[in-house]
Every structure is written in C-alpha cells, then in structure tokens.
Amino acid sequence: MNLANKISIGRILLIPFFIASILYYTPENDYIRYIALAIFTVGVFSDALDGYIARMRRQKTRLGIFLDPLADKLLLVSAMICLSAVSNVPEAYRLPVWLPILVISRDIVIVLGVVILFMIMGDVEVRPSKLGKITTFLQMLTVIVSLLRAPYMYVVWSVTAFFTVASGIGYLIRGSRILNASNHA
C-alpha cells in the first residue's frame, strides 16, 4: 500500500476522534472545540497531501481513486451531522439541519448517477469537476467556520448551499451528456 492511500486511511481513522470531541464538548470545556477543529483541519490538510503525493510520485491506484473521496465524504458528512444534530453544540453555532441533508442528498444523487452510467455503459471514469472541488472546499470551510464560531456564519452556509446545488446540477448535466454521447456512438 502506498503512502497516499495510508494517508487516506489515516483520515478515516480521525473520524471517531472528531465525533468524540464533539460529543464530549461542553461550554465549560471549550478547549475540546479546538481539539475538534485541530482534528478536522488535519483531515483537510491530509486530503490535499495525499493527492499531492499520489500525483508527484505517480502513485495513483484504483484503491486510492476510491479511498480518497470516500475519506473526504466520511469526514465531511460526520462533521456536518455532528455540528447540526449534537445537542451540546450551542444552538447559535449549530449548522442548520437542512445543510447536511442537502450535502448528503447531492452525494446520493451523484452516486446513483454513476451507478446508472456504469450499468448502461460499463466502465465509467469519474472525475471531480472544478465546481465540485470548489464545493468540497466550501463544505470544509463551513465546518471550520462553525467550529471557530465566526460571525456571519449563515453567509458561508448560504454560499455552500448554493454551490452544493449548482455542482449537483453540473454533475447531472455532465452525466446526461455522457449518456447521450454513448447513445450516439
């Protein structure tokens, strides 16, 4: 197993520690919020690092192509669910419940689209779009902003929601074009 894949697995292993830090957070133990922030930030940087290592060392593997986005989504969705649903997160800093629902719904639609394309066409290459990468960045920023309790968090939530919907629509359009091109071939 190469280094990039080990880093992706490490990111997955961070998730229980992040969840525990949110669950054990209390206003009296505010330092735990910073532990959660540090864990999440390490996860975000490890995402950039494993991709960089895989490209520079030419170590792209089928496992890595699957593992990297899986690790991203598990970390991101776990964080968003915790920050919207865990009762000891102060309500003023809690993510709105609709945001993780929107993120998860978009991801389900994308996965279903890929499955449909695979069933119809066979082997399908899935690559994130630029809009998809921006969306992932904004979703990660949303978690960080929430943990930092930054003012005007709702602006970040709104921008993230917009990009989440826009990128979902972009992937649907891209998938339909691929399907149409295969029908004409």
N, C-alpha and C. Protein backbone atom coordinates (compact mmCIF):
# COMPACT_ATOMS: atom_id res chain seq x y z
N MET A 1 0.86 -1.18 0.00
CA MET A 1 0.00 0.00 0.00
C MET A 1 0.90 1.24 0.00
N ASN A 2 0.58 2.18 -0.87
CA ASN A 2 1.43 3.37 -0.99
C ASN A 2 1.08 4.42 0.08
N LEU A 3 1.93 5.43 0.16
CA LEU A 3 1.81 6.46 1.20
C LEU A 3 0.51 7.24 1.08
N ALA A 4 0.11 7.59 -0.13
CA ALA A 4 -1.12 8.36 -0.32
C ALA A 4 -2.33 7.61 0.23
N ASN A 5 -2.40 6.31 -0.03
CA ASN A 5 -3.51 5.51 0.49
C ASN A 5 -3.47 5.40 2.01
N LYS A 6 -2.27 5.32 2.57
CA LYS A 6 -2.14 5.27 4.03
C LYS A 6 -2.64 6.58 4.65
N ILE A 7 -2.37 7.69 3.99
CA ILE A 7 -2.85 8.99 4.49
C ILE A 7 -4.38 9.04 4.42
N SER A 8 -4.97 8.52 3.36
CA SER A 8 -6.43 8.48 3.25
C SER A 8 -7.03 7.62 4.36
N ILE A 9 -6.42 6.48 4.64
CA ILE A 9 -6.89 5.63 5.73
C ILE A 9 -6.74 6.36 7.06
N GLY A 10 -5.64 7.08 7.23
CA GLY A 10 -5.45 7.88 8.44
C GLY A 10 -6.56 8.91 8.62
N ARG A 11 -7.00 9.51 7.52
CA ARG A 11 -8.10 10.48 7.57
C ARG A 11 -9.38 9.80 8.07
N ILE A 12 -9.63 8.61 7.60
CA ILE A 12 -10.81 7.87 8.06
C ILE A 12 -10.69 7.56 9.55
N LEU A 13 -9.49 7.23 9.99
CA LEU A 13 -9.28 6.91 11.41
C LEU A 13 -9.42 8.13 12.32
N LEU A 14 -9.33 9.33 11.76
CA LEU A 14 -9.53 10.55 12.55
C LEU A 14 -11.00 10.77 12.92
N ILE A 15 -11.90 10.21 12.14
CA ILE A 15 -13.33 10.49 12.29
C ILE A 15 -13.86 10.16 13.68
N PRO A 16 -13.59 8.99 14.25
CA PRO A 16 -14.12 8.72 15.60
C PRO A 16 -13.61 9.72 16.65
N PHE A 17 -12.38 10.19 16.48
CA PHE A 17 -11.83 11.17 17.42
C PHE A 17 -12.53 12.51 17.28
N PHE A 18 -12.83 12.88 16.05
CA PHE A 18 -13.58 14.12 15.83
C PHE A 18 -14.97 14.01 16.46
N ILE A 19 -15.66 12.92 16.17
CA ILE A 19 -17.00 12.73 16.72
C ILE A 19 -16.97 12.74 18.24
N ALA A 20 -16.01 12.05 18.83
CA ALA A 20 -15.90 12.02 20.30
C ALA A 20 -15.66 13.42 20.85
N SER A 21 -14.85 14.20 20.18
CA SER A 21 -14.58 15.56 20.69
C SER A 21 -15.84 16.41 20.65
N ILE A 22 -16.68 16.25 19.64
CA ILE A 22 -17.94 16.99 19.59
C ILE A 22 -18.90 16.48 20.66
N LEU A 23 -18.95 15.16 20.83
CA LEU A 23 -19.86 14.59 21.83
C LEU A 23 -19.48 14.96 23.26
N TYR A 24 -18.18 15.09 23.52
CA TYR A 24 -17.73 15.41 24.88
C TYR A 24 -17.56 16.91 25.12
N TYR A 25 -17.80 17.70 24.09
CA TYR A 25 -17.71 19.15 24.25
C TYR A 25 -18.78 19.64 25.21
N THR A 26 -18.39 20.57 26.06
CA THR A 26 -19.34 21.34 26.87
C THR A 26 -18.81 22.77 26.90
N PRO A 27 -19.69 23.74 27.13
CA PRO A 27 -19.20 25.13 27.21
C PRO A 27 -18.12 25.31 28.29
N GLU A 28 -18.19 24.48 29.33
CA GLU A 28 -17.18 24.57 30.40
C GLU A 28 -15.82 24.04 29.93
N ASN A 29 -15.83 23.16 28.95
CA ASN A 29 -14.60 22.59 28.40
C ASN A 29 -14.43 23.04 26.94
N ASP A 30 -14.38 24.34 26.75
CA ASP A 30 -14.35 24.90 25.40
C ASP A 30 -13.11 24.46 24.62
N TYR A 31 -12.05 24.09 25.33
CA TYR A 31 -10.83 23.66 24.64
C TYR A 31 -11.09 22.43 23.76
N ILE A 32 -12.11 21.65 24.10
CA ILE A 32 -12.42 20.46 23.30
C ILE A 32 -12.85 20.86 21.89
N ARG A 33 -13.49 22.01 21.77
CA ARG A 33 -13.87 22.51 20.44
C ARG A 33 -12.62 22.74 19.59
N TYR A 34 -11.56 23.22 20.22
CA TYR A 34 -10.32 23.44 19.48
C TYR A 34 -9.63 22.11 19.12
N ILE A 35 -9.83 21.12 19.95
CA ILE A 35 -9.33 19.78 19.60
C ILE A 35 -10.06 19.28 18.36
N ALA A 36 -11.39 19.45 18.35
CA ALA A 36 -12.19 19.05 17.18
C ALA A 36 -11.72 19.81 15.94
N LEU A 37 -11.48 21.10 16.11
CA LEU A 37 -11.00 21.93 15.00
C LEU A 37 -9.65 21.42 14.49
N ALA A 38 -8.75 21.09 15.40
CA ALA A 38 -7.43 20.59 15.01
C ALA A 38 -7.55 19.26 14.26
N ILE A 39 -8.39 18.38 14.77
CA ILE A 39 -8.57 17.07 14.11
C ILE A 39 -9.13 17.27 12.71
N PHE A 40 -10.15 18.11 12.59
CA PHE A 40 -10.76 18.33 11.28
C PHE A 40 -9.75 18.99 10.33
N THR A 41 -9.00 19.95 10.82
CA THR A 41 -8.02 20.64 9.99
C THR A 41 -6.93 19.68 9.51
N VAL A 42 -6.48 18.79 10.38
CA VAL A 42 -5.52 17.76 9.96
C VAL A 42 -6.13 16.91 8.85
N GLY A 43 -7.41 16.57 8.99
CA GLY A 43 -8.09 15.81 7.95
C GLY A 43 -8.13 16.56 6.63
N VAL A 44 -8.41 17.86 6.68
CA VAL A 44 -8.47 18.68 5.46
C VAL A 44 -7.09 18.74 4.80
N PHE A 45 -6.06 18.98 5.59
CA PHE A 45 -4.72 19.06 5.01
C PHE A 45 -4.24 17.71 4.50
N SER A 46 -4.65 16.63 5.18
CA SER A 46 -4.26 15.30 4.70
C SER A 46 -4.90 14.99 3.35
N ASP A 47 -6.08 15.58 3.11
CA ASP A 47 -6.73 15.41 1.81
C ASP A 47 -5.86 16.02 0.70
N ALA A 48 -5.38 17.21 0.94
CA ALA A 48 -4.51 17.86 -0.05
C ALA A 48 -3.19 17.10 -0.18
N LEU A 49 -2.66 16.63 0.95
CA LEU A 49 -1.37 15.95 0.95
C LEU A 49 -1.41 14.63 0.20
N ASP A 50 -2.44 13.82 0.44
CA ASP A 50 -2.46 12.51 -0.23
C ASP A 50 -2.60 12.67 -1.75
N GLY A 51 -3.38 13.65 -2.18
CA GLY A 51 -3.50 13.90 -3.62
C GLY A 51 -2.19 14.36 -4.22
N TYR A 52 -1.49 15.25 -3.51
CA TYR A 52 -0.20 15.76 -3.98
C TYR A 52 0.81 14.62 -4.09
N ILE A 53 0.87 13.79 -3.05
CA ILE A 53 1.82 12.67 -3.05
C ILE A 53 1.52 11.70 -4.19
N ALA A 54 0.24 11.38 -4.38
CA ALA A 54 -0.13 10.44 -5.44
C ALA A 54 0.26 10.98 -6.82
N ARG A 55 0.08 12.28 -7.02
CA ARG A 55 0.44 12.87 -8.32
C ARG A 55 1.96 12.95 -8.50
N MET A 56 2.66 13.44 -7.48
CA MET A 56 4.10 13.65 -7.61
C MET A 56 4.86 12.33 -7.72
N ARG A 57 4.42 11.33 -7.00
CA ARG A 57 5.10 10.03 -7.05
C ARG A 57 4.50 9.10 -8.10
N ARG A 58 3.52 9.61 -8.82
CA ARG A 58 2.82 8.80 -9.82
C ARG A 58 2.32 7.50 -9.20
N GLN A 59 1.64 7.67 -8.07
CA GLN A 59 1.14 6.51 -7.33
C GLN A 59 -0.38 6.45 -7.30
N LYS A 60 -1.01 6.89 -8.38
CA LYS A 60 -2.46 6.77 -8.44
C LYS A 60 -2.82 5.30 -8.56
N THR A 61 -3.73 4.85 -7.71
CA THR A 61 -4.17 3.46 -7.74
C THR A 61 -5.69 3.41 -7.76
N ARG A 62 -6.23 2.25 -8.13
CA ARG A 62 -7.68 2.08 -8.10
C ARG A 62 -8.19 2.24 -6.67
N LEU A 63 -7.43 1.71 -5.71
CA LEU A 63 -7.83 1.86 -4.31
C LEU A 63 -7.85 3.33 -3.92
N GLY A 64 -6.84 4.06 -4.30
CA GLY A 64 -6.77 5.49 -3.97
C GLY A 64 -7.88 6.30 -4.61
N ILE A 65 -8.23 5.95 -5.85
CA ILE A 65 -9.31 6.64 -6.56
C ILE A 65 -10.62 6.46 -5.81
N PHE A 66 -10.79 5.32 -5.16
CA PHE A 66 -12.00 5.05 -4.36
C PHE A 66 -11.87 5.61 -2.95
N LEU A 67 -10.69 5.38 -2.34
CA LEU A 67 -10.49 5.69 -0.93
C LEU A 67 -10.45 7.18 -0.62
N ASP A 68 -9.81 7.97 -1.46
CA ASP A 68 -9.67 9.40 -1.19
C ASP A 68 -11.02 10.12 -1.10
N PRO A 69 -11.90 9.99 -2.10
CA PRO A 69 -13.19 10.68 -1.96
C PRO A 69 -14.06 10.08 -0.85
N LEU A 70 -13.90 8.77 -0.60
CA LEU A 70 -14.65 8.15 0.50
C LEU A 70 -14.23 8.77 1.83
N ALA A 71 -12.93 8.90 2.04
CA ALA A 71 -12.42 9.50 3.28
C ALA A 71 -12.91 10.94 3.42
N ASP A 72 -12.88 11.69 2.32
CA ASP A 72 -13.38 13.08 2.34
C ASP A 72 -14.83 13.13 2.77
N LYS A 73 -15.66 12.32 2.12
CA LYS A 73 -17.10 12.36 2.39
C LYS A 73 -17.41 11.89 3.80
N LEU A 74 -16.74 10.83 4.26
CA LEU A 74 -16.99 10.35 5.62
C LEU A 74 -16.64 11.42 6.65
N LEU A 75 -15.50 12.06 6.49
CA LEU A 75 -15.09 13.11 7.43
C LEU A 75 -16.05 14.28 7.37
N LEU A 76 -16.35 14.73 6.18
CA LEU A 76 -17.19 15.91 5.99
C LEU A 76 -18.62 15.68 6.49
N VAL A 77 -19.21 14.58 6.09
CA VAL A 77 -20.60 14.30 6.49
C VAL A 77 -20.68 14.05 7.99
N SER A 78 -19.71 13.33 8.55
CA SER A 78 -19.70 13.12 10.01
C SER A 78 -19.64 14.45 10.74
N ALA A 79 -18.78 15.34 10.27
CA ALA A 79 -18.64 16.65 10.91
C ALA A 79 -19.93 17.45 10.79
N MET A 80 -20.52 17.47 9.61
CA MET A 80 -21.74 18.26 9.41
C MET A 80 -22.90 17.72 10.24
N ILE A 81 -23.03 16.40 10.30
CA ILE A 81 -24.10 15.81 11.11
C ILE A 81 -23.88 16.15 12.57
N CYS A 82 -22.66 15.99 13.06
CA CYS A 82 -22.38 16.31 14.47
C CYS A 82 -22.68 17.77 14.77
N LEU A 83 -22.25 18.66 13.89
CA LEU A 83 -22.42 20.09 14.16
C LEU A 83 -23.84 20.57 13.94
N SER A 84 -24.70 19.72 13.41
CA SER A 84 -26.10 20.12 13.25
C SER A 84 -27.02 19.39 14.22
N ALA A 85 -26.60 18.23 14.70
CA ALA A 85 -27.53 17.39 15.47
C ALA A 85 -27.14 17.16 16.92
N VAL A 86 -25.89 17.37 17.29
CA VAL A 86 -25.47 17.09 18.66
C VAL A 86 -25.93 18.24 19.56
N SER A 87 -26.67 17.88 20.59
CA SER A 87 -27.34 18.90 21.42
C SER A 87 -26.38 19.76 22.23
N ASN A 88 -25.19 19.28 22.54
CA ASN A 88 -24.29 20.11 23.35
C ASN A 88 -23.52 21.14 22.53
N VAL A 89 -23.71 21.15 21.21
CA VAL A 89 -23.18 22.24 20.39
C VAL A 89 -24.15 23.41 20.58
N PRO A 90 -23.67 24.56 21.04
CA PRO A 90 -24.58 25.69 21.26
C PRO A 90 -25.39 26.01 20.01
N GLU A 91 -26.68 26.25 20.21
CA GLU A 91 -27.58 26.44 19.07
C GLU A 91 -27.15 27.57 18.15
N ALA A 92 -26.59 28.61 18.71
CA ALA A 92 -26.16 29.76 17.90
C ALA A 92 -25.05 29.38 16.91
N TYR A 93 -24.34 28.29 17.19
CA TYR A 93 -23.21 27.87 16.34
C TYR A 93 -23.48 26.56 15.62
N ARG A 94 -24.67 26.03 15.80
CA ARG A 94 -25.03 24.77 15.16
C ARG A 94 -25.31 24.98 13.68
N LEU A 95 -24.88 24.05 12.88
CA LEU A 95 -25.23 24.10 11.46
C LEU A 95 -26.73 23.84 11.32
N PRO A 96 -27.37 24.49 10.38
CA PRO A 96 -28.79 24.18 10.17
C PRO A 96 -28.93 22.75 9.65
N VAL A 97 -29.93 22.04 10.13
CA VAL A 97 -30.12 20.63 9.78
C VAL A 97 -30.25 20.44 8.27
N TRP A 98 -30.81 21.42 7.59
CA TRP A 98 -31.01 21.27 6.15
C TRP A 98 -29.69 21.19 5.37
N LEU A 99 -28.61 21.74 5.94
CA LEU A 99 -27.35 21.76 5.19
C LEU A 99 -26.75 20.36 5.01
N PRO A 100 -26.58 19.57 6.10
CA PRO A 100 -26.08 18.21 5.85
C PRO A 100 -27.05 17.36 5.04
N ILE A 101 -28.36 17.62 5.18
CA ILE A 101 -29.34 16.89 4.36
C ILE A 101 -29.11 17.21 2.88
N LEU A 102 -28.86 18.48 2.58
CA LEU A 102 -28.59 18.90 1.20
C LEU A 102 -27.32 18.25 0.67
N VAL A 103 -26.27 18.27 1.48
CA VAL A 103 -24.98 17.70 1.07
C VAL A 103 -25.12 16.20 0.82
N ILE A 104 -25.77 15.50 1.74
CA ILE A 104 -25.94 14.04 1.60
C ILE A 104 -26.82 13.72 0.40
N SER A 105 -27.89 14.50 0.21
CA SER A 105 -28.80 14.27 -0.93
C SER A 105 -28.06 14.42 -2.25
N ARG A 106 -27.24 15.46 -2.35
CA ARG A 106 -26.46 15.68 -3.58
C ARG A 106 -25.54 14.50 -3.83
N ASP A 107 -24.87 14.03 -2.78
CA ASP A 107 -23.94 12.92 -2.94
C ASP A 107 -24.66 11.64 -3.34
N ILE A 108 -25.85 11.41 -2.79
CA ILE A 108 -26.63 10.23 -3.17
C ILE A 108 -27.02 10.30 -4.64
N VAL A 109 -27.46 11.47 -5.09
CA VAL A 109 -27.83 11.64 -6.50
C VAL A 109 -26.62 11.38 -7.40
N ILE A 110 -25.46 11.89 -7.01
CA ILE A 110 -24.25 11.67 -7.82
C ILE A 110 -23.90 10.19 -7.88
N VAL A 111 -23.93 9.51 -6.73
CA VAL A 111 -23.61 8.08 -6.70
C VAL A 111 -24.61 7.29 -7.54
N LEU A 112 -25.89 7.60 -7.41
CA LEU A 112 -26.90 6.91 -8.23
C LEU A 112 -26.65 7.15 -9.71
N GLY A 113 -26.29 8.37 -10.08
CA GLY A 113 -25.97 8.67 -11.47
C GLY A 113 -24.81 7.85 -11.98
N VAL A 114 -23.77 7.72 -11.17
CA VAL A 114 -22.60 6.93 -11.56
C VAL A 114 -22.99 5.46 -11.71
N VAL A 115 -23.81 4.96 -10.79
CA VAL A 115 -24.25 3.57 -10.86
C VAL A 115 -25.06 3.34 -12.15
N ILE A 116 -25.95 4.26 -12.46
CA ILE A 116 -26.75 4.14 -13.69
C ILE A 116 -25.84 4.15 -14.92
N LEU A 117 -24.89 5.09 -14.96
CA LEU A 117 -23.95 5.13 -16.09
C LEU A 117 -23.16 3.83 -16.20
N PHE A 118 -22.73 3.30 -15.06
CA PHE A 118 -21.96 2.06 -15.05
C PHE A 118 -22.80 0.89 -15.57
N MET A 119 -24.06 0.84 -15.14
CA MET A 119 -24.95 -0.25 -15.58
C MET A 119 -25.21 -0.18 -17.08
N ILE A 120 -25.30 1.02 -17.61
CA ILE A 120 -25.60 1.18 -19.04
C ILE A 120 -24.34 1.06 -19.90
N MET A 121 -23.25 1.66 -19.43
CA MET A 121 -22.06 1.79 -20.28
C MET A 121 -20.92 0.85 -19.91
N GLY A 122 -20.93 0.31 -18.73
CA GLY A 122 -19.79 -0.48 -18.27
C GLY A 122 -18.84 0.42 -17.51
N ASP A 123 -17.57 0.35 -17.83
CA ASP A 123 -16.55 1.12 -17.10
C ASP A 123 -16.78 2.63 -17.29
N VAL A 124 -16.85 3.35 -16.18
CA VAL A 124 -17.08 4.80 -16.21
C VAL A 124 -15.98 5.47 -15.40
N GLU A 125 -15.35 6.47 -16.00
CA GLU A 125 -14.33 7.23 -15.28
C GLU A 125 -15.00 8.41 -14.59
N VAL A 126 -14.82 8.50 -13.28
CA VAL A 126 -15.44 9.57 -12.51
C VAL A 126 -14.34 10.52 -12.04
N ARG A 127 -14.46 11.77 -12.44
CA ARG A 127 -13.50 12.80 -12.02
C ARG A 127 -14.28 13.97 -11.45
N PRO A 128 -13.77 14.55 -10.38
CA PRO A 128 -14.47 15.72 -9.84
C PRO A 128 -14.33 16.92 -10.78
N SER A 129 -15.38 17.69 -10.87
CA SER A 129 -15.34 18.91 -11.68
C SER A 129 -14.71 20.03 -10.86
N LYS A 130 -14.35 21.11 -11.52
CA LYS A 130 -13.83 22.28 -10.79
C LYS A 130 -14.87 22.79 -9.81
N LEU A 131 -16.12 22.84 -10.25
CA LEU A 131 -17.20 23.28 -9.38
C LEU A 131 -17.36 22.33 -8.20
N GLY A 132 -17.19 21.04 -8.44
CA GLY A 132 -17.25 20.05 -7.36
C GLY A 132 -16.13 20.25 -6.35
N LYS A 133 -14.94 20.58 -6.84
CA LYS A 133 -13.81 20.83 -5.93
C LYS A 133 -14.04 22.10 -5.11
N ILE A 134 -14.57 23.13 -5.75
CA ILE A 134 -14.90 24.36 -5.01
C ILE A 134 -15.95 24.06 -3.95
N THR A 135 -16.93 23.25 -4.30
CA THR A 135 -17.99 22.88 -3.36
C THR A 135 -17.42 22.15 -2.16
N THR A 136 -16.54 21.19 -2.40
CA THR A 136 -15.92 20.46 -1.29
C THR A 136 -15.14 21.41 -0.40
N PHE A 137 -14.39 22.33 -1.00
CA PHE A 137 -13.65 23.33 -0.22
C PHE A 137 -14.62 24.13 0.65
N LEU A 138 -15.72 24.60 0.06
CA LEU A 138 -16.69 25.41 0.81
C LEU A 138 -17.36 24.60 1.92
N GLN A 139 -17.62 23.33 1.66
CA GLN A 139 -18.22 22.49 2.70
C GLN A 139 -17.25 22.31 3.86
N MET A 140 -15.98 22.12 3.56
CA MET A 140 -14.97 22.01 4.62
C MET A 140 -14.82 23.34 5.36
N LEU A 141 -14.84 24.44 4.62
CA LEU A 141 -14.77 25.76 5.23
C LEU A 141 -15.96 25.99 6.16
N THR A 142 -17.12 25.51 5.78
CA THR A 142 -18.32 25.64 6.61
C THR A 142 -18.11 24.99 7.97
N VAL A 143 -17.53 23.80 7.98
CA VAL A 143 -17.26 23.11 9.25
C VAL A 143 -16.27 23.92 10.08
N ILE A 144 -15.21 24.39 9.45
CA ILE A 144 -14.19 25.16 10.17
C ILE A 144 -14.78 26.45 10.73
N VAL A 145 -15.56 27.16 9.92
CA VAL A 145 -16.19 28.41 10.36
C VAL A 145 -17.12 28.16 11.54
N SER A 146 -17.84 27.05 11.49
CA SER A 146 -18.74 26.71 12.59
C SER A 146 -17.96 26.42 13.87
N LEU A 147 -16.87 25.68 13.74
CA LEU A 147 -16.05 25.38 14.92
C LEU A 147 -15.36 26.63 15.47
N LEU A 148 -15.04 27.56 14.59
CA LEU A 148 -14.42 28.82 15.03
C LEU A 148 -15.45 29.81 15.56
N ARG A 149 -16.72 29.52 15.32
CA ARG A 149 -17.82 30.40 15.73
C ARG A 149 -17.65 31.79 15.13
N ALA A 150 -17.33 31.80 13.87
CA ALA A 150 -17.11 33.06 13.16
C ALA A 150 -18.42 33.82 13.00
N PRO A 151 -18.34 35.14 13.02
CA PRO A 151 -19.56 35.92 12.78
C PRO A 151 -20.03 35.71 11.33
N TYR A 152 -21.30 35.91 11.13
CA TYR A 152 -21.90 35.79 9.80
C TYR A 152 -21.73 34.40 9.19
N MET A 153 -21.79 33.38 10.05
CA MET A 153 -21.66 32.00 9.56
C MET A 153 -22.73 31.68 8.52
N TYR A 154 -23.91 32.29 8.70
CA TYR A 154 -25.01 31.99 7.78
C TYR A 154 -24.67 32.37 6.34
N VAL A 155 -23.78 33.33 6.15
CA VAL A 155 -23.36 33.70 4.79
C VAL A 155 -22.58 32.53 4.18
N VAL A 156 -21.68 31.96 4.95
CA VAL A 156 -20.89 30.82 4.48
C VAL A 156 -21.83 29.64 4.20
N TRP A 157 -22.80 29.40 5.10
CA TRP A 157 -23.75 28.31 4.89
C TRP A 157 -24.51 28.51 3.58
N SER A 158 -24.94 29.73 3.35
CA SER A 158 -25.73 30.03 2.15
C SER A 158 -24.92 29.83 0.87
N VAL A 159 -23.69 30.32 0.88
CA VAL A 159 -22.81 30.15 -0.29
C VAL A 159 -22.53 28.66 -0.51
N THR A 160 -22.28 27.94 0.57
CA THR A 160 -22.03 26.50 0.48
C THR A 160 -23.25 25.78 -0.09
N ALA A 161 -24.43 26.14 0.39
CA ALA A 161 -25.66 25.52 -0.12
C ALA A 161 -25.82 25.79 -1.61
N PHE A 162 -25.59 27.03 -2.02
CA PHE A 162 -25.70 27.38 -3.44
C PHE A 162 -24.76 26.54 -4.29
N PHE A 163 -23.50 26.45 -3.88
CA PHE A 163 -22.52 25.69 -4.65
C PHE A 163 -22.81 24.19 -4.61
N THR A 164 -23.35 23.71 -3.50
CA THR A 164 -23.72 22.30 -3.41
C THR A 164 -24.78 21.96 -4.44
N VAL A 165 -25.81 22.80 -4.53
CA VAL A 165 -26.87 22.59 -5.52
C VAL A 165 -26.32 22.76 -6.94
N ALA A 166 -25.55 23.82 -7.16
CA ALA A 166 -25.02 24.09 -8.51
C ALA A 166 -24.12 22.96 -8.98
N SER A 167 -23.26 22.45 -8.11
CA SER A 167 -22.38 21.36 -8.54
C SER A 167 -23.17 20.08 -8.76
N GLY A 168 -24.20 19.85 -7.96
CA GLY A 168 -25.06 18.68 -8.19
C GLY A 168 -25.72 18.75 -9.55
N ILE A 169 -26.24 19.92 -9.90
CA ILE A 169 -26.84 20.11 -11.23
C ILE A 169 -25.78 19.92 -12.32
N GLY A 170 -24.59 20.45 -12.07
CA GLY A 170 -23.49 20.29 -13.03
C GLY A 170 -23.16 18.83 -13.28
N TYR A 171 -23.12 18.02 -12.21
CA TYR A 171 -22.84 16.60 -12.38
C TYR A 171 -23.98 15.89 -13.12
N LEU A 172 -25.22 16.30 -12.86
CA LEU A 172 -26.35 15.71 -13.59
C LEU A 172 -26.26 16.01 -15.08
N ILE A 173 -25.93 17.25 -15.40
CA ILE A 173 -25.78 17.64 -16.82
C ILE A 173 -24.64 16.85 -17.46
N ARG A 174 -23.52 16.76 -16.75
CA ARG A 174 -22.37 16.03 -17.27
C ARG A 174 -22.71 14.56 -17.51
N GLY A 175 -23.42 13.96 -16.56
CA GLY A 175 -23.82 12.56 -16.70
C GLY A 175 -24.76 12.35 -17.86
N SER A 176 -25.70 13.27 -18.05
CA SER A 176 -26.64 13.12 -19.17
C SER A 176 -25.92 13.30 -20.51
N ARG A 177 -24.93 14.16 -20.56
CA ARG A 177 -24.14 14.32 -21.80
C ARG A 177 -23.35 13.05 -22.12
N ILE A 178 -22.78 12.46 -21.09
CA ILE A 178 -22.03 11.20 -21.29
C ILE A 178 -22.98 10.13 -21.81
N LEU A 179 -24.15 10.06 -21.22
CA LEU A 179 -25.15 9.07 -21.64
C LEU A 179 -25.61 9.32 -23.07
N ASN A 180 -25.88 10.57 -23.40
CA ASN A 180 -26.30 10.91 -24.77
C ASN A 180 -25.20 10.60 -25.78
N ALA A 181 -23.96 10.89 -25.42
CA ALA A 181 -22.84 10.61 -26.33
C ALA A 181 -22.70 9.12 -26.57
N SER A 182 -22.96 8.31 -25.54
CA SER A 182 -22.84 6.85 -25.71
C SER A 182 -23.98 6.31 -26.57
N ASN A 183 -25.13 6.95 -26.54
CA ASN A 183 -26.26 6.52 -27.36
C ASN A 183 -26.05 6.83 -28.83
N HIS A 184 -25.25 7.85 -29.11
CA HIS A 184 -24.99 8.24 -30.49
C HIS A 184 -23.74 7.57 -31.06
N ALA A 185 -23.02 6.86 -30.22
CA ALA A 185 -21.77 6.23 -30.69
C ALA A 185 -22.02 4.90 -31.35
